[in-house]
Amino acid sequence: FAVGYQGIAFRKDAGPLREAVTGALTELMADGGYTAILTKWGLSANAVPRPLLNASPQ
């Protein structure tokens, strides 16, 4: 696969959902699950260091 970043779209009024997804991604990154998933599927080059919102660090 080519290196590329993916995103998740949220409605502007979906703040609680956006925060829940960001929190889940943060936990997945902290416990190593994120790295394990990317490694399993050969996507390690696509890793980001932390969840991003509007391409800005949280």
PDB file of N, CA and C in Angstrom:
ATOM      1  N   PHE A   1       0.831  -1.187   0.000  1.00  0.00           N
ATOM      2  CA  PHE A   1       0.000   0.000   0.000  1.00  0.00           C
ATOM      3  C   PHE A   1       0.871   1.244   0.000  1.00  0.00           C
ATOM      4  N   ALA A   2       0.365   2.300  -0.581  1.00  0.00           N
ATOM      5  CA  ALA A   2       1.070   3.573  -0.561  1.00  0.00           C
ATOM      6  C   ALA A   2       0.818   4.263   0.778  1.00  0.00           C
ATOM      7  N   VAL A   3       1.752   5.114   1.170  1.00  0.00           N
ATOM      8  CA  VAL A   3       1.576   5.888   2.399  1.00  0.00           C
ATOM      9  C   VAL A   3       0.475   6.909   2.161  1.00  0.00           C
ATOM     10  N   GLY A   4      -0.454   6.987   3.063  1.00  0.00           N
ATOM     11  CA  GLY A   4      -1.539   7.950   2.961  1.00  0.00           C
ATOM     12  C   GLY A   4      -2.292   7.992   4.275  1.00  0.00           C
ATOM     13  N   TYR A   5      -2.857   9.109   4.578  1.00  0.00           N
ATOM     14  CA  TYR A   5      -3.592   9.269   5.822  1.00  0.00           C
ATOM     15  C   TYR A   5      -5.084   9.207   5.540  1.00  0.00           C
ATOM     16  N   GLN A   6      -5.826   8.673   6.487  1.00  0.00           N
ATOM     17  CA  GLN A   6      -7.271   8.546   6.388  1.00  0.00           C
ATOM     18  C   GLN A   6      -7.900   9.425   7.451  1.00  0.00           C
ATOM     19  N   GLY A   7      -9.158   9.714   7.285  1.00  0.00           N
ATOM     20  CA  GLY A   7      -9.845  10.548   8.260  1.00  0.00           C
ATOM     21  C   GLY A   7     -11.235  10.032   8.553  1.00  0.00           C
ATOM     22  N   ILE A   8     -11.824  10.569   9.585  1.00  0.00           N
ATOM     23  CA  ILE A   8     -13.195  10.269   9.965  1.00  0.00           C
ATOM     24  C   ILE A   8     -13.929  11.602   9.998  1.00  0.00           C
ATOM     25  N   ALA A   9     -15.032  11.687   9.281  1.00  0.00           N
ATOM     26  CA  ALA A   9     -15.807  12.929   9.246  1.00  0.00           C
ATOM     27  C   ALA A   9     -16.861  12.918  10.351  1.00  0.00           C
ATOM     28  N   PHE A  10     -17.030  14.060  10.998  1.00  0.00           N
ATOM     29  CA  PHE A  10     -18.044  14.228  12.030  1.00  0.00           C
ATOM     30  C   PHE A  10     -18.841  15.485  11.728  1.00  0.00           C
ATOM     31  N   ARG A  11     -20.113  15.458  12.067  1.00  0.00           N
ATOM     32  CA  ARG A  11     -20.908  16.679  11.971  1.00  0.00           C
ATOM     33  C   ARG A  11     -20.358  17.680  12.982  1.00  0.00           C
ATOM     34  N   LYS A  12     -20.500  18.959  12.682  1.00  0.00           N
ATOM     35  CA  LYS A  12     -19.984  19.980  13.598  1.00  0.00           C
ATOM     36  C   LYS A  12     -20.637  19.910  14.977  1.00  0.00           C
ATOM     37  N   ASP A  13     -21.878  19.448  15.039  1.00  0.00           N
ATOM     38  CA  ASP A  13     -22.567  19.380  16.329  1.00  0.00           C
ATOM     39  C   ASP A  13     -22.400  18.023  17.024  1.00  0.00           C
ATOM     40  N   ALA A  14     -21.463  17.209  16.560  1.00  0.00           N
ATOM     41  CA  ALA A  14     -21.246  15.871  17.130  1.00  0.00           C
ATOM     42  C   ALA A  14     -20.029  15.842  18.051  1.00  0.00           C
ATOM     43  N   GLY A  15     -19.852  16.882  18.836  1.00  0.00           N
ATOM     44  CA  GLY A  15     -18.699  16.974  19.734  1.00  0.00           C
ATOM     45  C   GLY A  15     -18.511  15.775  20.649  1.00  0.00           C
ATOM     46  N   PRO A  16     -19.570  15.302  21.324  1.00  0.00           N
ATOM     47  CA  PRO A  16     -19.393  14.144  22.210  1.00  0.00           C
ATOM     48  C   PRO A  16     -18.924  12.888  21.462  1.00  0.00           C
ATOM     49  N   LEU A  17     -19.456  12.647  20.276  1.00  0.00           N
ATOM     50  CA  LEU A  17     -19.025  11.489  19.491  1.00  0.00           C
ATOM     51  C   LEU A  17     -17.576  11.651  19.057  1.00  0.00           C
ATOM     52  N   ARG A  18     -17.235  12.845  18.588  1.00  0.00           N
ATOM     53  CA  ARG A  18     -15.854  13.125  18.164  1.00  0.00           C
ATOM     54  C   ARG A  18     -14.885  12.904  19.319  1.00  0.00           C
ATOM     55  N   GLU A  19     -15.239  13.385  20.499  1.00  0.00           N
ATOM     56  CA  GLU A  19     -14.373  13.215  21.666  1.00  0.00           C
ATOM     57  C   GLU A  19     -14.264  11.744  22.069  1.00  0.00           C
ATOM     58  N   ALA A  20     -15.356  10.990  21.949  1.00  0.00           N
ATOM     59  CA  ALA A  20     -15.322   9.563  22.284  1.00  0.00           C
ATOM     60  C   ALA A  20     -14.405   8.802  21.333  1.00  0.00           C
ATOM     61  N   VAL A  21     -14.498   9.099  20.041  1.00  0.00           N
ATOM     62  CA  VAL A  21     -13.647   8.422  19.057  1.00  0.00           C
ATOM     63  C   VAL A  21     -12.188   8.812  19.273  1.00  0.00           C
ATOM     64  N   THR A  22     -11.926  10.091  19.514  1.00  0.00           N
ATOM     65  CA  THR A  22     -10.558  10.541  19.772  1.00  0.00           C
ATOM     66  C   THR A  22     -10.001   9.861  21.019  1.00  0.00           C
ATOM     67  N   GLY A  23     -10.816   9.746  22.063  1.00  0.00           N
ATOM     68  CA  GLY A  23     -10.385   9.070  23.285  1.00  0.00           C
ATOM     69  C   GLY A  23     -10.074   7.602  23.046  1.00  0.00           C
ATOM     70  N   ALA A  24     -10.918   6.929  22.266  1.00  0.00           N
ATOM     71  CA  ALA A  24     -10.686   5.516  21.963  1.00  0.00           C
ATOM     72  C   ALA A  24      -9.405   5.338  21.161  1.00  0.00           C
ATOM     73  N   LEU A  25      -9.170   6.219  20.192  1.00  0.00           N
ATOM     74  CA  LEU A  25      -7.928   6.145  19.410  1.00  0.00           C
ATOM     75  C   LEU A  25      -6.712   6.407  20.290  1.00  0.00           C
ATOM     76  N   THR A  26      -6.818   7.357  21.201  1.00  0.00           N
ATOM     77  CA  THR A  26      -5.717   7.653  22.119  1.00  0.00           C
ATOM     78  C   THR A  26      -5.392   6.429  22.974  1.00  0.00           C
ATOM     79  N   GLU A  27      -6.421   5.762  23.491  1.00  0.00           N
ATOM     80  CA  GLU A  27      -6.205   4.552  24.295  1.00  0.00           C
ATOM     81  C   GLU A  27      -5.582   3.438  23.458  1.00  0.00           C
ATOM     82  N   LEU A  28      -6.070   3.267  22.232  1.00  0.00           N
ATOM     83  CA  LEU A  28      -5.532   2.239  21.344  1.00  0.00           C
ATOM     84  C   LEU A  28      -4.060   2.496  21.054  1.00  0.00           C
ATOM     85  N   MET A  29      -3.702   3.754  20.901  1.00  0.00           N
ATOM     86  CA  MET A  29      -2.297   4.103  20.660  1.00  0.00           C
ATOM     87  C   MET A  29      -1.461   3.859  21.918  1.00  0.00           C
ATOM     88  N   ALA A  30      -2.011   4.177  23.082  1.00  0.00           N
ATOM     89  CA  ALA A  30      -1.267   4.032  24.337  1.00  0.00           C
ATOM     90  C   ALA A  30      -1.007   2.572  24.701  1.00  0.00           C
ATOM     91  N   ASP A  31      -1.950   1.689  24.380  1.00  0.00           N
ATOM     92  CA  ASP A  31      -1.776   0.289  24.786  1.00  0.00           C
ATOM     93  C   ASP A  31      -1.115  -0.586  23.724  1.00  0.00           C
ATOM     94  N   GLY A  32      -0.701   0.015  22.610  1.00  0.00           N
ATOM     95  CA  GLY A  32       0.008  -0.735  21.573  1.00  0.00           C
ATOM     96  C   GLY A  32      -0.883  -1.369  20.526  1.00  0.00           C
ATOM     97  N   GLY A  33      -2.185  -1.297  20.710  1.00  0.00           N
ATOM     98  CA  GLY A  33      -3.107  -1.890  19.747  1.00  0.00           C
ATOM     99  C   GLY A  33      -3.029  -1.257  18.370  1.00  0.00           C
ATOM    100  N   TYR A  34      -2.876   0.055  18.342  1.00  0.00           N
ATOM    101  CA  TYR A  34      -2.778   0.791  17.072  1.00  0.00           C
ATOM    102  C   TYR A  34      -1.582   0.303  16.263  1.00  0.00           C
ATOM    103  N   THR A  35      -0.431   0.211  16.907  1.00  0.00           N
ATOM    104  CA  THR A  35       0.783  -0.264  16.232  1.00  0.00           C
ATOM    105  C   THR A  35       0.614  -1.706  15.773  1.00  0.00           C
ATOM    106  N   ALA A  36       0.008  -2.539  16.594  1.00  0.00           N
ATOM    107  CA  ALA A  36      -0.199  -3.945  16.237  1.00  0.00           C
ATOM    108  C   ALA A  36      -1.084  -4.078  15.002  1.00  0.00           C
ATOM    109  N   ILE A  37      -2.149  -3.302  14.934  1.00  0.00           N
ATOM    110  CA  ILE A  37      -3.050  -3.354  13.778  1.00  0.00           C
ATOM    111  C   ILE A  37      -2.323  -2.903  12.515  1.00  0.00           C
ATOM    112  N   LEU A  38      -1.618  -1.777  12.599  1.00  0.00           N
ATOM    113  CA  LEU A  38      -0.899  -1.282  11.420  1.00  0.00           C
ATOM    114  C   LEU A  38       0.162  -2.274  10.970  1.00  0.00           C
ATOM    115  N   THR A  39       0.870  -2.872  11.918  1.00  0.00           N
ATOM    116  CA  THR A  39       1.910  -3.850  11.587  1.00  0.00           C
ATOM    117  C   THR A  39       1.300  -5.076  10.913  1.00  0.00           C
ATOM    118  N   LYS A  40       0.207  -5.577  11.464  1.00  0.00           N
ATOM    119  CA  LYS A  40      -0.449  -6.763  10.904  1.00  0.00           C
ATOM    120  C   LYS A  40      -0.802  -6.567   9.437  1.00  0.00           C
ATOM    121  N   TRP A  41      -1.247  -5.392   9.078  1.00  0.00           N
ATOM    122  CA  TRP A  41      -1.706  -5.128   7.723  1.00  0.00           C
ATOM    123  C   TRP A  41      -0.658  -4.427   6.857  1.00  0.00           C
ATOM    124  N   GLY A  42       0.583  -4.340   7.336  1.00  0.00           N
ATOM    125  CA  GLY A  42       1.661  -3.750   6.547  1.00  0.00           C
ATOM    126  C   GLY A  42       1.513  -2.258   6.328  1.00  0.00           C
ATOM    127  N   LEU A  43       0.942  -1.577   7.300  1.00  0.00           N
ATOM    128  CA  LEU A  43       0.671  -0.145   7.161  1.00  0.00           C
ATOM    129  C   LEU A  43       1.444   0.715   8.154  1.00  0.00           C
ATOM    130  N   SER A  44       2.526   0.203   8.699  1.00  0.00           N
ATOM    131  CA  SER A  44       3.289   0.936   9.713  1.00  0.00           C
ATOM    132  C   SER A  44       3.747   2.306   9.234  1.00  0.00           C
ATOM    133  N   ALA A  45       4.026   2.448   7.943  1.00  0.00           N
ATOM    134  CA  ALA A  45       4.476   3.738   7.411  1.00  0.00           C
ATOM    135  C   ALA A  45       3.384   4.800   7.487  1.00  0.00           C
ATOM    136  N   ASN A  46       2.137   4.387   7.671  1.00  0.00           N
ATOM    137  CA  ASN A  46       1.021   5.332   7.745  1.00  0.00           C
ATOM    138  C   ASN A  46       0.743   5.817   9.166  1.00  0.00           C
ATOM    139  N   ALA A  47       1.504   5.347  10.136  1.00  0.00           N
ATOM    140  CA  ALA A  47       1.243   5.683  11.538  1.00  0.00           C
ATOM    141  C   ALA A  47       1.392   7.180  11.801  1.00  0.00           C
ATOM    142  N   VAL A  48       0.540   7.673  12.672  1.00  0.00           N
ATOM    143  CA  VAL A  48       0.657   9.050  13.168  1.00  0.00           C
ATOM    144  C   VAL A  48       0.944   8.954  14.665  1.00  0.00           C
ATOM    145  N   PRO A  49       1.629   9.941  15.247  1.00  0.00           N
ATOM    146  CA  PRO A  49       2.009   9.849  16.658  1.00  0.00           C
ATOM    147  C   PRO A  49       0.851  10.041  17.640  1.00  0.00           C
ATOM    148  N   ARG A  50      -0.221  10.678  17.210  1.00  0.00           N
ATOM    149  CA  ARG A  50      -1.373  10.935  18.075  1.00  0.00           C
ATOM    150  C   ARG A  50      -2.563  11.292  17.181  1.00  0.00           C
ATOM    151  N   PRO A  51      -3.779  11.158  17.693  1.00  0.00           N
ATOM    152  CA  PRO A  51      -4.943  11.545  16.899  1.00  0.00           C
ATOM    153  C   PRO A  51      -4.867  13.029  16.535  1.00  0.00           C
ATOM    154  N   LEU A  52      -5.302  13.355  15.344  1.00  0.00           N
ATOM    155  CA  LEU A  52      -5.285  14.737  14.873  1.00  0.00           C
ATOM    156  C   LEU A  52      -6.711  15.197  14.598  1.00  0.00           C
ATOM    157  N   LEU A  53      -6.985  16.451  14.864  1.00  0.00           N
ATOM    158  CA  LEU A  53      -8.275  17.052  14.567  1.00  0.00           C
ATOM    159  C   LEU A  53      -8.020  18.236  13.654  1.00  0.00           C
ATOM    160  N   ASN A  54      -8.588  18.210  12.471  1.00  0.00           N
ATOM    161  CA  ASN A  54      -8.350  19.257  11.471  1.00  0.00           C
ATOM    162  C   ASN A  54      -6.859  19.438  11.219  1.00  0.00           C
ATOM    163  N   ALA A  55      -6.138  18.304  11.186  1.00  0.00           N
ATOM    164  CA  ALA A  55      -4.690  18.265  10.934  1.00  0.00           C
ATOM    165  C   ALA A  55      -3.885  19.023  11.984  1.00  0.00           C
ATOM    166  N   SER A  56      -4.487  19.247  13.153  1.00  0.00           N
ATOM    167  CA  SER A  56      -3.782  19.890  14.260  1.00  0.00           C
ATOM    168  C   SER A  56      -3.720  18.910  15.421  1.00  0.00           C
ATOM    169  N   PRO A  57      -2.585  18.828  16.123  1.00  0.00           N
ATOM    170  CA  PRO A  57      -2.505  17.917  17.269  1.00  0.00           C
ATOM    171  C   PRO A  57      -3.583  18.223  18.295  1.00  0.00           C
ATOM    172  N   GLN A  58      -4.142  17.173  18.898  1.00  0.00           N
ATOM    173  CA  GLN A  58      -5.148  17.331  19.955  1.00  0.00           C
ATOM    174  C   GLN A  58      -4.488  17.865  21.194  1.00  0.00           C
TER     175      GLN A  58
END
